C-alpha cells in the first residue's frame, strides 16, 4: 500500500476506535459524558486528518475541527454540509477534560457530539473507497 494511504488508513482506524469508545461510554448506566464527547471529537479530528493525509494536505498540529473541515473542503467540497453540526466538537478537544466555568458536558451534548463525529467519519470513509474496508 502507498505510504500516504497507509497512514490515512491508520488515522481512520484510530478514528473508529474513538467512535466506538464514545459509544461504549454512553452505553454505561452512569456515562462519563465529557469522556464520550472528547472521544467523539478525537474521532472527527483523526478522520479529517486521515482524509487530508491521503490528499497530501498538511493539517499541522491542531484540534480545531472547523479549521480541519475548511482544509478538507479543498479536496471534498461536499463536507460543507457537515460544518454546522461539527462546529461544537472543537470545544471537547481540551475544555471537556478540565474544570471550566461553562460546566459539565450533558448527555444530550455528548450524544450530539457522537452523531456529528459519526457523520464525519462515515462521510470520509465513503469518499475514500480504497480505504473503506478497515481490518
C-alpha atoms as a PDB file:
ATOM      1  CA  UNK A   1       0.000   0.000   0.000  1.00  0.00           C
ATOM      2  CA  UNK A   2       1.124   3.544  -0.752  1.00  0.00           C
ATOM      3  CA  UNK A   3       2.664   5.127   2.419  1.00  0.00           C
ATOM      4  CA  UNK A   4       0.224   8.068   2.452  1.00  0.00           C
ATOM      5  CA  UNK A   5      -2.715   5.687   2.005  1.00  0.00           C
ATOM      6  CA  UNK A   6      -1.352   3.507   4.805  1.00  0.00           C
ATOM      7  CA  UNK A   7      -1.049   6.495   7.147  1.00  0.00           C
ATOM      8  CA  UNK A   8      -4.545   7.671   6.182  1.00  0.00           C
ATOM      9  CA  UNK A   9      -5.859   4.201   6.953  1.00  0.00           C
ATOM     10  CA  UNK A  10      -4.152   4.263  10.353  1.00  0.00           C
ATOM     11  CA  UNK A  11      -5.809   7.609  11.127  1.00  0.00           C
ATOM     12  CA  UNK A  12      -9.190   6.145  10.177  1.00  0.00           C
ATOM     13  CA  UNK A  13      -8.661   3.047  12.292  1.00  0.00           C
ATOM     14  CA  UNK A  14      -7.901   5.248  15.293  1.00  0.00           C
ATOM     15  CA  UNK A  15     -10.956   7.357  14.488  1.00  0.00           C
ATOM     16  CA  UNK A  16     -13.069   4.210  14.507  1.00  0.00           C
ATOM     17  CA  UNK A  17     -11.634   3.265  17.903  1.00  0.00           C
ATOM     18  CA  UNK A  18     -12.534   6.695  19.297  1.00  0.00           C
ATOM     19  CA  UNK A  19     -16.067   6.486  17.931  1.00  0.00           C
ATOM     20  CA  UNK A  20     -16.529   3.039  19.456  1.00  0.00           C
ATOM     21  CA  UNK A  21     -15.140   4.236  22.799  1.00  0.00           C
ATOM     22  CA  UNK A  22     -17.552   7.184  22.865  1.00  0.00           C
ATOM     23  CA  UNK A  23     -20.479   4.848  22.201  1.00  0.00           C
ATOM     24  CA  UNK A  24     -19.324   2.381  24.869  1.00  0.00           C
ATOM     25  CA  UNK A  25     -19.060   5.172  27.411  1.00  0.00           C
ATOM     26  CA  UNK A  26     -22.582   6.399  26.660  1.00  0.00           C
ATOM     27  CA  UNK A  27     -23.889   2.844  26.996  1.00  0.00           C
ATOM     28  CA  UNK A  28     -22.829   2.726  30.634  1.00  0.00           C
ATOM     29  CA  UNK A  29     -25.511   3.094  33.317  1.00  0.00           C
ATOM     30  CA  UNK A  30     -23.675   6.221  34.511  1.00  0.00           C
ATOM     31  CA  UNK A  31     -21.921   7.562  31.417  1.00  0.00           C
ATOM     32  CA  UNK A  32     -18.968   9.896  31.742  1.00  0.00           C
ATOM     33  CA  UNK A  33     -20.258  12.415  29.233  1.00  0.00           C
ATOM     34  CA  UNK A  34     -17.135  14.572  28.998  1.00  0.00           C
ATOM     35  CA  UNK A  35     -15.120  11.481  28.016  1.00  0.00           C
ATOM     36  CA  UNK A  36     -17.665  10.438  25.388  1.00  0.00           C
ATOM     37  CA  UNK A  37     -17.617  13.950  23.895  1.00  0.00           C
ATOM     38  CA  UNK A  38     -13.811  14.003  23.968  1.00  0.00           C
ATOM     39  CA  UNK A  39     -13.574  10.703  22.075  1.00  0.00           C
ATOM     40  CA  UNK A  40     -16.194  11.921  19.581  1.00  0.00           C
ATOM     41  CA  UNK A  41     -14.060  14.991  18.901  1.00  0.00           C
ATOM     42  CA  UNK A  42     -10.993  12.776  18.540  1.00  0.00           C
ATOM     43  CA  UNK A  43     -12.841  10.601  16.027  1.00  0.00           C
ATOM     44  CA  UNK A  44     -13.681  13.595  13.846  1.00  0.00           C
ATOM     45  CA  UNK A  45     -10.184  15.050  14.167  1.00  0.00           C
ATOM     46  CA  UNK A  46      -8.447  11.807  13.190  1.00  0.00           C
ATOM     47  CA  UNK A  47     -10.850  11.104  10.331  1.00  0.00           C
ATOM     48  CA  UNK A  48     -10.282  14.576   8.892  1.00  0.00           C
ATOM     49  CA  UNK A  49      -6.521  14.285   9.319  1.00  0.00           C
ATOM     50  CA  UNK A  50      -6.665  10.918   7.565  1.00  0.00           C
ATOM     51  CA  UNK A  51      -8.523  12.470   4.643  1.00  0.00           C
ATOM     52  CA  UNK A  52      -6.047  15.340   4.443  1.00  0.00           C
ATOM     53  CA  UNK A  53      -3.085  12.966   4.670  1.00  0.00           C
ATOM     54  CA  UNK A  54      -4.475  10.885   1.811  1.00  0.00           C
ATOM     55  CA  UNK A  55      -4.708  14.024  -0.344  1.00  0.00           C
ATOM     56  CA  UNK A  56      -1.283  15.409   0.677  1.00  0.00           C
ATOM     57  CA  UNK A  57      -2.743  18.411   2.516  1.00  0.00           C
ATOM     58  CA  UNK A  58      -0.845  19.399   5.659  1.00  0.00           C
ATOM     59  CA  UNK A  59      -3.104  19.954   8.642  1.00  0.00           C
ATOM     60  CA  UNK A  60      -0.446  20.865  11.167  1.00  0.00           C
ATOM     61  CA  UNK A  61      -0.948  20.336  14.879  1.00  0.00           C
ATOM     62  CA  UNK A  62      -4.495  21.430  15.533  1.00  0.00           C
ATOM     63  CA  UNK A  63      -7.599  20.211  17.315  1.00  0.00           C
ATOM     64  CA  UNK A  64      -9.822  22.763  15.566  1.00  0.00           C
ATOM     65  CA  UNK A  65     -12.487  20.796  13.693  1.00  0.00           C
ATOM     66  CA  UNK A  66     -13.663  23.929  11.875  1.00  0.00           C
ATOM     67  CA  UNK A  67     -10.180  24.545  10.526  1.00  0.00           C
ATOM     68  CA  UNK A  68      -9.725  20.889   9.554  1.00  0.00           C
ATOM     69  CA  UNK A  69     -13.080  20.940   7.755  1.00  0.00           C
ATOM     70  CA  UNK A  70     -12.094  24.138   5.947  1.00  0.00           C
ATOM     71  CA  UNK A  71      -8.871  22.495   4.735  1.00  0.00           C
ATOM     72  CA  UNK A  72     -10.806  19.369   3.764  1.00  0.00           C
ATOM     73  CA  UNK A  73     -13.242  21.319   1.587  1.00  0.00           C
ATOM     74  CA  UNK A  74     -10.426  21.794  -0.935  1.00  0.00           C
ATOM     75  CA  UNK A  75     -10.445  18.034  -1.592  1.00  0.00           C
ATOM     76  CA  UNK A  76     -14.051  17.072  -0.713  1.00  0.00           C
ATOM     77  CA  UNK A  77     -16.313  20.139  -1.136  1.00  0.00           C
ATOM     78  CA  UNK A  78     -19.422  18.197  -0.049  1.00  0.00           C
ATOM     79  CA  UNK A  79     -18.116  18.170   3.532  1.00  0.00           C
ATOM     80  CA  UNK A  80     -19.590  21.672   3.753  1.00  0.00           C
ATOM     81  CA  UNK A  81     -22.932  20.100   4.672  1.00  0.00           C
ATOM     82  CA  UNK A  82     -21.433  18.834   7.954  1.00  0.00           C
ATOM     83  CA  UNK A  83     -19.792  22.082   9.057  1.00  0.00           C
ATOM     84  CA  UNK A  84     -22.640  23.356  11.215  1.00  0.00           C
ATOM     85  CA  UNK A  85     -23.237  20.102  13.110  1.00  0.00           C
ATOM     86  CA  UNK A  86     -19.489  19.616  13.651  1.00  0.00           C
ATOM     87  CA  UNK A  87     -18.803  23.125  14.912  1.00  0.00           C
ATOM     88  CA  UNK A  88     -19.336  22.207  18.565  1.00  0.00           C
ATOM     89  CA  UNK A  89     -16.763  19.405  18.550  1.00  0.00           C
ATOM     90  CA  UNK A  90     -13.685  21.616  18.946  1.00  0.00           C
ATOM     91  CA  UNK A  91     -14.722  22.606  22.461  1.00  0.00           C
ATOM     92  CA  UNK A  92     -14.483  18.975  23.528  1.00  0.00           C
ATOM     93  CA  UNK A  93     -10.850  18.616  22.456  1.00  0.00           C
ATOM     94  CA  UNK A  94      -9.455  20.160  25.625  1.00  0.00           C
ATOM     95  CA  UNK A  95     -12.122  22.012  27.610  1.00  0.00           C
ATOM     96  CA  UNK A  96     -14.131  18.906  28.421  1.00  0.00           C
ATOM     97  CA  UNK A  97     -11.183  17.367  30.273  1.00  0.00           C
ATOM     98  CA  UNK A  98     -10.560  20.243  32.689  1.00  0.00           C
ATOM     99  CA  UNK A  99     -12.680  22.217  35.146  1.00  0.00           C
ATOM    100  CA  UNK A 100     -14.022  25.262  33.310  1.00  0.00           C
ATOM    101  CA  UNK A 101     -16.710  27.834  34.095  1.00  0.00           C
ATOM    102  CA  UNK A 102     -19.189  26.616  31.447  1.00  0.00           C
ATOM    103  CA  UNK A 103     -19.955  23.392  33.336  1.00  0.00           C
ATOM    104  CA  UNK A 104     -20.092  19.714  32.571  1.00  0.00           C
ATOM    105  CA  UNK A 105     -20.965  18.053  29.288  1.00  0.00           C
ATOM    106  CA  UNK A 106     -24.580  16.852  29.291  1.00  0.00           C
ATOM    107  CA  UNK A 107     -25.869  13.530  27.945  1.00  0.00           C
ATOM    108  CA  UNK A 108     -27.575  15.477  25.177  1.00  0.00           C
ATOM    109  CA  UNK A 109     -24.313  17.257  24.317  1.00  0.00           C
ATOM    110  CA  UNK A 110     -22.316  14.036  24.301  1.00  0.00           C
ATOM    111  CA  UNK A 111     -24.922  12.307  22.123  1.00  0.00           C
ATOM    112  CA  UNK A 112     -24.887  15.225  19.655  1.00  0.00           C
ATOM    113  CA  UNK A 113     -21.086  15.097  19.554  1.00  0.00           C
ATOM    114  CA  UNK A 114     -21.148  11.378  18.769  1.00  0.00           C
ATOM    115  CA  UNK A 115     -23.692  11.903  15.979  1.00  0.00           C
ATOM    116  CA  UNK A 116     -21.594  14.701  14.446  1.00  0.00           C
ATOM    117  CA  UNK A 117     -18.411  12.609  14.659  1.00  0.00           C
ATOM    118  CA  UNK A 118     -20.132   9.577  13.144  1.00  0.00           C
ATOM    119  CA  UNK A 119     -21.394  11.702  10.238  1.00  0.00           C
ATOM    120  CA  UNK A 120     -17.898  12.993   9.509  1.00  0.00           C
ATOM    121  CA  UNK A 121     -16.277   9.583   9.867  1.00  0.00           C
ATOM    122  CA  UNK A 122     -18.784   7.800   7.617  1.00  0.00           C
ATOM    123  CA  UNK A 123     -18.708  10.593   5.030  1.00  0.00           C
ATOM    124  CA  UNK A 124     -14.919  10.366   4.841  1.00  0.00           C
ATOM    125  CA  UNK A 125     -14.976   6.569   4.576  1.00  0.00           C
ATOM    126  CA  UNK A 126     -17.301   6.861   1.578  1.00  0.00           C
ATOM    127  CA  UNK A 127     -15.078   9.482  -0.036  1.00  0.00           C
ATOM    128  CA  UNK A 128     -12.033   7.180   0.264  1.00  0.00           C
ATOM    129  CA  UNK A 129     -13.356   3.930  -1.192  1.00  0.00           C
ATOM    130  CA  UNK A 130      -9.930   2.277  -1.287  1.00  0.00           C
ATOM    131  CA  UNK A 131      -9.718   2.572   2.490  1.00  0.00           C
ATOM    132  CA  UNK A 132     -13.326   1.674   3.248  1.00  0.00           C
ATOM    133  CA  UNK A 133     -12.543  -1.867   4.371  1.00  0.00           C
ATOM    134  CA  UNK A 134     -10.578  -1.442   7.552  1.00  0.00           C
ATOM    135  CA  UNK A 135      -9.194  -4.533   9.274  1.00  0.00           C
END
